[in-house]
Amino acid sequence: MEKERRREFQIILGSALSVLAIGTVIYHFVEHWTWLDSLYFSVVTLATVGYGDLSPHTAAGKIFTMIYIITGIGIILEFVNALTKRRIERRLKNEK
């Protein structure tokens, strides 16, 4: 059971990192932003913060962003959910 939960967490973590990496690469090449700005925008967008200091200006960047938000937010929320579950399980295990 523990192995299954660990594997599930690894898959969710990998998915979250992958979606951030994909966004970073796309924004870097489509919007011609630096790698740091591209990663920053990916994180801020999927965390639903949206500071507004960066925004896509190309049609391709805008289309990608719409798709990225719809798919990426779910993946990031599942990652946060998995992290929370893991922390609660560890806390309960340590209390016993």
N, C-alpha and C. Protein backbone atom coordinates (compact mmCIF):
# COMPACT_ATOMS: atom_id res chain seq x y z
N MET A 1 0.82 -1.19 0.00
CA MET A 1 0.00 0.00 0.00
C MET A 1 0.87 1.27 0.00
N GLU A 2 1.91 1.26 0.84
CA GLU A 2 2.81 2.41 0.91
C GLU A 2 3.52 2.64 -0.43
N LYS A 3 3.92 1.54 -1.09
CA LYS A 3 4.59 1.65 -2.39
C LYS A 3 3.65 2.28 -3.42
N GLU A 4 2.39 1.90 -3.37
CA GLU A 4 1.41 2.44 -4.32
C GLU A 4 1.24 3.95 -4.12
N ARG A 5 1.14 4.37 -2.87
CA ARG A 5 0.98 5.79 -2.58
C ARG A 5 2.22 6.58 -2.99
N ARG A 6 3.38 6.00 -2.73
CA ARG A 6 4.63 6.66 -3.11
C ARG A 6 4.71 6.80 -4.63
N ARG A 7 4.35 5.73 -5.34
CA ARG A 7 4.38 5.76 -6.81
C ARG A 7 3.39 6.79 -7.35
N GLU A 8 2.20 6.84 -6.76
CA GLU A 8 1.18 7.81 -7.18
C GLU A 8 1.70 9.23 -6.97
N PHE A 9 2.34 9.47 -5.82
CA PHE A 9 2.89 10.79 -5.55
C PHE A 9 3.98 11.13 -6.55
N GLN A 10 4.83 10.18 -6.88
CA GLN A 10 5.89 10.42 -7.85
C GLN A 10 5.33 10.78 -9.22
N ILE A 11 4.26 10.13 -9.61
CA ILE A 11 3.62 10.43 -10.89
C ILE A 11 3.04 11.84 -10.89
N ILE A 12 2.37 12.20 -9.80
CA ILE A 12 1.79 13.54 -9.70
C ILE A 12 2.88 14.60 -9.68
N LEU A 13 3.95 14.36 -8.92
CA LEU A 13 5.08 15.28 -8.89
C LEU A 13 5.69 15.43 -10.28
N GLY A 14 5.90 14.31 -10.95
CA GLY A 14 6.44 14.35 -12.30
C GLY A 14 5.55 15.12 -13.26
N SER A 15 4.24 14.95 -13.11
CA SER A 15 3.29 15.68 -13.95
C SER A 15 3.36 17.18 -13.69
N ALA A 16 3.44 17.56 -12.42
CA ALA A 16 3.52 18.99 -12.07
C ALA A 16 4.82 19.60 -12.61
N LEU A 17 5.92 18.91 -12.43
CA LEU A 17 7.20 19.42 -12.95
C LEU A 17 7.20 19.48 -14.47
N SER A 18 6.58 18.48 -15.09
CA SER A 18 6.50 18.44 -16.54
C SER A 18 5.69 19.60 -17.10
N VAL A 19 4.55 19.88 -16.48
CA VAL A 19 3.70 20.96 -16.98
C VAL A 19 4.42 22.31 -16.81
N LEU A 20 5.17 22.47 -15.74
CA LEU A 20 5.95 23.70 -15.57
C LEU A 20 7.08 23.78 -16.60
N ALA A 21 7.73 22.66 -16.86
CA ALA A 21 8.81 22.63 -17.85
C ALA A 21 8.28 22.91 -19.25
N ILE A 22 7.15 22.34 -19.59
CA ILE A 22 6.56 22.57 -20.91
C ILE A 22 6.21 24.04 -21.08
N GLY A 23 5.58 24.62 -20.06
CA GLY A 23 5.25 26.04 -20.13
C GLY A 23 6.49 26.90 -20.27
N THR A 24 7.51 26.58 -19.52
CA THR A 24 8.75 27.34 -19.56
C THR A 24 9.36 27.32 -20.96
N VAL A 25 9.43 26.14 -21.55
CA VAL A 25 10.02 26.00 -22.89
C VAL A 25 9.18 26.74 -23.93
N ILE A 26 7.87 26.56 -23.88
CA ILE A 26 6.99 27.22 -24.87
C ILE A 26 7.11 28.73 -24.76
N TYR A 27 7.02 29.27 -23.55
CA TYR A 27 7.10 30.73 -23.40
C TYR A 27 8.47 31.27 -23.81
N HIS A 28 9.51 30.50 -23.52
CA HIS A 28 10.85 30.94 -23.90
C HIS A 28 10.96 31.11 -25.41
N PHE A 29 10.47 30.13 -26.14
CA PHE A 29 10.62 30.17 -27.60
C PHE A 29 9.53 30.97 -28.31
N VAL A 30 8.32 30.93 -27.82
CA VAL A 30 7.23 31.64 -28.49
C VAL A 30 7.23 33.12 -28.15
N GLU A 31 7.41 33.45 -26.88
CA GLU A 31 7.38 34.84 -26.45
C GLU A 31 8.77 35.48 -26.37
N HIS A 32 9.81 34.66 -26.56
CA HIS A 32 11.20 35.13 -26.52
C HIS A 32 11.56 35.75 -25.17
N TRP A 33 11.04 35.13 -24.10
CA TRP A 33 11.37 35.55 -22.75
C TRP A 33 12.60 34.80 -22.27
N THR A 34 13.25 35.30 -21.24
CA THR A 34 14.37 34.57 -20.65
C THR A 34 13.82 33.29 -20.02
N TRP A 35 14.73 32.36 -19.71
CA TRP A 35 14.30 31.12 -19.06
C TRP A 35 13.66 31.42 -17.70
N LEU A 36 14.25 32.34 -16.97
CA LEU A 36 13.71 32.69 -15.65
C LEU A 36 12.32 33.32 -15.77
N ASP A 37 12.17 34.27 -16.69
CA ASP A 37 10.85 34.89 -16.88
C ASP A 37 9.81 33.86 -17.33
N SER A 38 10.23 32.94 -18.17
CA SER A 38 9.31 31.90 -18.65
C SER A 38 8.86 30.99 -17.51
N LEU A 39 9.79 30.57 -16.67
CA LEU A 39 9.44 29.74 -15.52
C LEU A 39 8.57 30.53 -14.54
N TYR A 40 8.96 31.76 -14.29
CA TYR A 40 8.20 32.64 -13.39
C TYR A 40 6.75 32.77 -13.87
N PHE A 41 6.57 33.04 -15.15
CA PHE A 41 5.22 33.20 -15.68
C PHE A 41 4.43 31.90 -15.57
N SER A 42 5.08 30.78 -15.82
CA SER A 42 4.42 29.48 -15.70
C SER A 42 3.93 29.23 -14.28
N VAL A 43 4.78 29.49 -13.30
CA VAL A 43 4.42 29.28 -11.90
C VAL A 43 3.31 30.24 -11.48
N VAL A 44 3.47 31.50 -11.79
CA VAL A 44 2.48 32.51 -11.40
C VAL A 44 1.12 32.22 -12.06
N THR A 45 1.14 31.79 -13.29
CA THR A 45 -0.10 31.48 -14.00
C THR A 45 -0.80 30.28 -13.39
N LEU A 46 -0.07 29.19 -13.17
CA LEU A 46 -0.70 27.98 -12.65
C LEU A 46 -1.03 28.07 -11.17
N ALA A 47 -0.40 28.99 -10.47
CA ALA A 47 -0.75 29.23 -9.08
C ALA A 47 -1.94 30.19 -8.99
N THR A 48 -2.42 30.63 -10.12
CA THR A 48 -3.55 31.56 -10.27
C THR A 48 -3.30 32.90 -9.59
N VAL A 49 -2.05 33.30 -9.49
CA VAL A 49 -1.72 34.59 -8.89
C VAL A 49 -1.90 35.69 -9.93
N GLY A 50 -1.25 35.54 -11.08
CA GLY A 50 -1.41 36.47 -12.18
C GLY A 50 -1.08 37.91 -11.84
N TYR A 51 0.16 38.20 -11.55
CA TYR A 51 0.58 39.57 -11.20
C TYR A 51 0.35 40.56 -12.34
N GLY A 52 0.45 40.10 -13.58
CA GLY A 52 0.23 40.98 -14.71
C GLY A 52 1.46 41.68 -15.21
N ASP A 53 2.62 41.43 -14.59
CA ASP A 53 3.84 42.07 -15.05
C ASP A 53 4.33 41.48 -16.37
N LEU A 54 3.98 40.23 -16.64
CA LEU A 54 4.27 39.59 -17.92
C LEU A 54 2.96 39.09 -18.49
N SER A 55 2.84 39.15 -19.80
CA SER A 55 1.69 38.54 -20.46
C SER A 55 2.08 38.22 -21.89
N PRO A 56 1.50 37.15 -22.43
CA PRO A 56 1.83 36.78 -23.81
C PRO A 56 1.33 37.83 -24.80
N HIS A 57 2.13 38.08 -25.83
CA HIS A 57 1.77 39.08 -26.83
C HIS A 57 1.54 38.47 -28.20
N THR A 58 1.99 37.25 -28.41
CA THR A 58 1.77 36.60 -29.70
C THR A 58 0.46 35.81 -29.66
N ALA A 59 -0.11 35.59 -30.83
CA ALA A 59 -1.34 34.78 -30.91
C ALA A 59 -1.08 33.37 -30.42
N ALA A 60 0.07 32.81 -30.79
CA ALA A 60 0.41 31.45 -30.35
C ALA A 60 0.55 31.40 -28.84
N GLY A 61 1.17 32.41 -28.27
CA GLY A 61 1.34 32.46 -26.81
C GLY A 61 0.01 32.57 -26.10
N LYS A 62 -0.90 33.35 -26.63
CA LYS A 62 -2.22 33.51 -26.02
C LYS A 62 -3.03 32.22 -26.10
N ILE A 63 -2.99 31.57 -27.25
CA ILE A 63 -3.72 30.30 -27.42
C ILE A 63 -3.14 29.24 -26.48
N PHE A 64 -1.81 29.16 -26.46
CA PHE A 64 -1.18 28.19 -25.56
C PHE A 64 -1.56 28.47 -24.11
N THR A 65 -1.57 29.74 -23.73
CA THR A 65 -1.89 30.09 -22.34
C THR A 65 -3.29 29.65 -21.96
N MET A 66 -4.24 29.80 -22.84
CA MET A 66 -5.61 29.36 -22.54
C MET A 66 -5.65 27.86 -22.28
N ILE A 67 -4.99 27.10 -23.12
CA ILE A 67 -4.96 25.64 -22.95
C ILE A 67 -4.15 25.27 -21.71
N TYR A 68 -3.05 25.97 -21.52
CA TYR A 68 -2.15 25.73 -20.39
C TYR A 68 -2.86 25.94 -19.05
N ILE A 69 -3.64 26.98 -18.95
CA ILE A 69 -4.36 27.26 -17.71
C ILE A 69 -5.39 26.17 -17.44
N ILE A 70 -6.16 25.81 -18.45
CA ILE A 70 -7.22 24.82 -18.27
C ILE A 70 -6.66 23.47 -17.84
N THR A 71 -5.59 23.04 -18.46
CA THR A 71 -5.01 21.74 -18.10
C THR A 71 -4.07 21.82 -16.91
N GLY A 72 -3.28 22.87 -16.84
CA GLY A 72 -2.24 22.97 -15.82
C GLY A 72 -2.75 23.19 -14.41
N ILE A 73 -3.81 23.96 -14.25
CA ILE A 73 -4.30 24.24 -12.90
C ILE A 73 -4.76 22.95 -12.23
N GLY A 74 -5.42 22.09 -12.97
CA GLY A 74 -5.86 20.80 -12.40
C GLY A 74 -4.69 19.96 -11.93
N ILE A 75 -3.63 19.93 -12.71
CA ILE A 75 -2.45 19.15 -12.35
C ILE A 75 -1.78 19.73 -11.10
N ILE A 76 -1.64 21.03 -11.06
CA ILE A 76 -1.02 21.68 -9.90
C ILE A 76 -1.89 21.49 -8.64
N LEU A 77 -3.20 21.61 -8.78
CA LEU A 77 -4.08 21.40 -7.63
C LEU A 77 -3.99 19.97 -7.12
N GLU A 78 -3.90 19.01 -8.02
CA GLU A 78 -3.75 17.62 -7.60
C GLU A 78 -2.42 17.42 -6.87
N PHE A 79 -1.38 18.10 -7.32
CA PHE A 79 -0.08 18.02 -6.65
C PHE A 79 -0.18 18.59 -5.23
N VAL A 80 -0.81 19.74 -5.09
CA VAL A 80 -0.98 20.35 -3.77
C VAL A 80 -1.81 19.43 -2.87
N ASN A 81 -2.85 18.83 -3.43
CA ASN A 81 -3.68 17.88 -2.68
C ASN A 81 -2.85 16.68 -2.22
N ALA A 82 -2.03 16.13 -3.10
CA ALA A 82 -1.20 14.98 -2.76
C ALA A 82 -0.19 15.35 -1.68
N LEU A 83 0.40 16.55 -1.78
CA LEU A 83 1.34 17.02 -0.75
C LEU A 83 0.66 17.12 0.60
N THR A 84 -0.53 17.68 0.59
CA THR A 84 -1.28 17.85 1.84
C THR A 84 -1.62 16.50 2.46
N LYS A 85 -2.10 15.58 1.65
CA LYS A 85 -2.42 14.23 2.14
C LYS A 85 -1.19 13.57 2.74
N ARG A 86 -0.08 13.70 2.05
CA ARG A 86 1.17 13.08 2.51
C ARG A 86 1.60 13.65 3.85
N ARG A 87 1.48 14.95 3.98
CA ARG A 87 1.88 15.59 5.24
C ARG A 87 0.97 15.16 6.39
N ILE A 88 -0.32 15.08 6.13
CA ILE A 88 -1.27 14.64 7.16
C ILE A 88 -1.00 13.19 7.55
N GLU A 89 -0.78 12.34 6.57
CA GLU A 89 -0.49 10.93 6.86
C GLU A 89 0.78 10.79 7.70
N ARG A 90 1.80 11.55 7.37
CA ARG A 90 3.05 11.47 8.14
C ARG A 90 2.85 11.97 9.57
N ARG A 91 2.06 13.02 9.71
CA ARG A 91 1.80 13.57 11.04
C ARG A 91 1.03 12.55 11.88
N LEU A 92 0.01 11.93 11.29
CA LEU A 92 -0.76 10.92 12.01
C LEU A 92 0.09 9.71 12.37
N LYS A 93 0.96 9.32 11.48
CA LYS A 93 1.85 8.18 11.72
C LYS A 93 2.82 8.47 12.86
N ASN A 94 3.32 9.70 12.93
CA ASN A 94 4.25 10.09 13.99
C ASN A 94 3.57 10.22 15.35
N GLU A 95 2.27 10.48 15.35
CA GLU A 95 1.54 10.62 16.61
C GLU A 95 1.29 9.27 17.27
N LYS A 96 1.32 8.22 16.48
CA LYS A 96 1.02 6.86 17.04
C LYS A 96 2.17 6.32 17.83
